[in-house]
Amino acid sequence: MSDNWMTKYGSRRVRRDPPTLDEAIFAAMGITDNAEEQAEIAASLMGLPLAAVQTEVRKVSRTTARVRTQQVIAGEPGAQRTVVVERRTVRRFGNDRRPGM
């Protein structure tokens, strides 16, 4: 879909694409963890029937469940992490001065 509108520089065309099903499911996953609610949100974003979206949500939730179980956090449990912040000084040379100063 495209839309034309006038600016002071002339006519401009704006392209508006509806979200893909994967994008709608990703957005719904960011809102809630419940799969049924994710399917409802994605279906309302896409304008599709709920039954068609539910199967895709189940497929995506299976793959993300596998990924979540494989995440490993390095370090000992309960240990505090150390963060070191170093400030770098800027090297200035004698010939780096501005003229007139």
Protein backbone atom coordinates (compact mmCIF):
# COMPACT_ATOMS: atom_id res chain seq x y z
CA MET A 1 0.00 0.00 0.00
CA SER A 2 1.20 3.50 -0.68
CA ASP A 3 -0.07 6.94 0.17
CA ASN A 4 0.74 10.29 -1.44
CA TRP A 5 1.03 13.52 0.51
CA MET A 6 2.25 16.98 -0.30
CA THR A 7 5.22 18.66 1.36
CA LYS A 8 6.82 22.01 0.67
CA TYR A 9 9.27 20.10 -1.55
CA GLY A 10 6.59 18.40 -3.62
CA SER A 11 4.63 15.16 -3.61
CA ARG A 12 5.95 12.30 -1.47
CA ARG A 13 4.91 8.67 -1.47
CA VAL A 14 4.79 6.78 1.80
CA ARG A 15 4.87 3.02 1.75
CA ARG A 16 2.95 1.27 4.49
CA ASP A 17 3.45 -2.45 4.87
CA PRO A 18 1.46 -4.45 7.39
CA PRO A 19 3.62 -6.49 9.79
CA THR A 20 4.50 -10.04 8.87
CA LEU A 21 3.17 -12.85 11.03
CA ASP A 22 6.61 -13.41 12.56
CA GLU A 23 6.89 -9.74 13.48
CA ALA A 24 3.42 -9.75 15.04
CA ILE A 25 4.23 -12.86 17.10
CA PHE A 26 7.55 -11.35 18.21
CA ALA A 27 5.75 -8.21 19.36
CA ALA A 28 3.16 -10.27 21.22
CA MET A 29 5.90 -12.28 22.92
CA GLY A 30 7.35 -9.03 24.23
CA ILE A 31 4.02 -8.09 25.78
CA THR A 32 3.02 -11.33 27.50
CA ASP A 33 4.30 -14.83 28.25
CA ASN A 34 0.93 -16.56 27.85
CA ALA A 35 0.67 -18.32 24.46
CA GLU A 36 -3.09 -17.81 24.14
CA GLU A 37 -2.78 -14.08 24.72
CA GLN A 38 0.12 -13.93 22.28
CA ALA A 39 -2.04 -15.55 19.61
CA GLU A 40 -4.88 -13.08 20.26
CA ILE A 41 -2.55 -10.09 20.06
CA ALA A 42 -0.87 -11.32 16.89
CA ALA A 43 -4.22 -12.12 15.27
CA SER A 44 -5.54 -8.65 16.04
CA LEU A 45 -2.38 -7.03 14.61
CA MET A 46 -2.57 -9.07 11.42
CA GLY A 47 -6.33 -9.25 10.99
CA LEU A 48 -6.16 -13.05 10.67
CA PRO A 49 -8.37 -15.69 12.30
CA LEU A 50 -7.22 -16.83 15.74
CA ALA A 51 -6.93 -20.52 14.75
CA ALA A 52 -4.41 -19.77 12.00
CA VAL A 53 -2.21 -17.73 14.31
CA GLN A 54 -2.32 -20.20 17.22
CA THR A 55 -0.44 -22.88 15.29
CA GLU A 56 2.34 -20.44 14.39
CA VAL A 57 2.59 -19.22 18.00
CA ARG A 58 3.00 -22.81 19.19
CA LYS A 59 5.79 -23.41 16.65
CA VAL A 60 7.64 -20.26 17.68
CA SER A 61 7.19 -20.94 21.39
CA ARG A 62 8.73 -24.41 20.98
CA THR A 63 11.83 -23.01 19.30
CA THR A 64 12.26 -20.22 21.84
CA ALA A 65 11.82 -22.70 24.71
CA ARG A 66 14.76 -24.70 23.35
CA VAL A 67 16.90 -21.59 23.07
CA ARG A 68 16.07 -20.44 26.61
CA THR A 69 17.15 -23.74 28.14
CA GLN A 70 20.55 -23.54 26.44
CA GLN A 71 21.59 -20.17 27.87
CA VAL A 72 24.54 -20.35 30.27
CA ILE A 73 25.75 -17.56 32.51
CA ALA A 74 29.48 -17.60 33.11
CA GLY A 75 30.85 -17.20 36.62
CA GLU A 76 30.23 -18.63 40.02
CA PRO A 77 26.73 -18.42 41.46
CA GLY A 78 26.43 -15.76 44.14
CA ALA A 79 29.74 -14.11 43.26
CA GLN A 80 29.84 -10.37 42.66
CA ARG A 81 30.93 -9.18 39.26
CA THR A 82 33.73 -6.71 38.96
CA VAL A 83 33.49 -3.84 36.52
CA VAL A 84 36.62 -1.86 35.68
CA VAL A 85 36.24 1.56 34.09
CA GLU A 86 39.38 3.19 32.73
CA ARG A 87 39.65 6.73 31.52
CA ARG A 88 41.92 7.30 28.57
CA THR A 89 43.75 10.59 28.43
CA VAL A 90 44.06 12.33 25.12
CA ARG A 91 47.61 12.73 23.92
CA ARG A 92 48.36 16.27 22.87
CA PHE A 93 51.37 17.11 20.80
CA GLY A 94 53.20 20.41 20.63
CA ASN A 95 52.22 21.04 17.02
CA ASP A 96 48.54 20.24 17.66
CA ARG A 97 47.70 23.75 18.84
CA ARG A 98 45.29 25.98 17.01
CA PRO A 99 46.72 29.04 15.27
CA GLY A 100 46.37 32.24 17.23
CA MET A 101 46.37 30.61 20.68
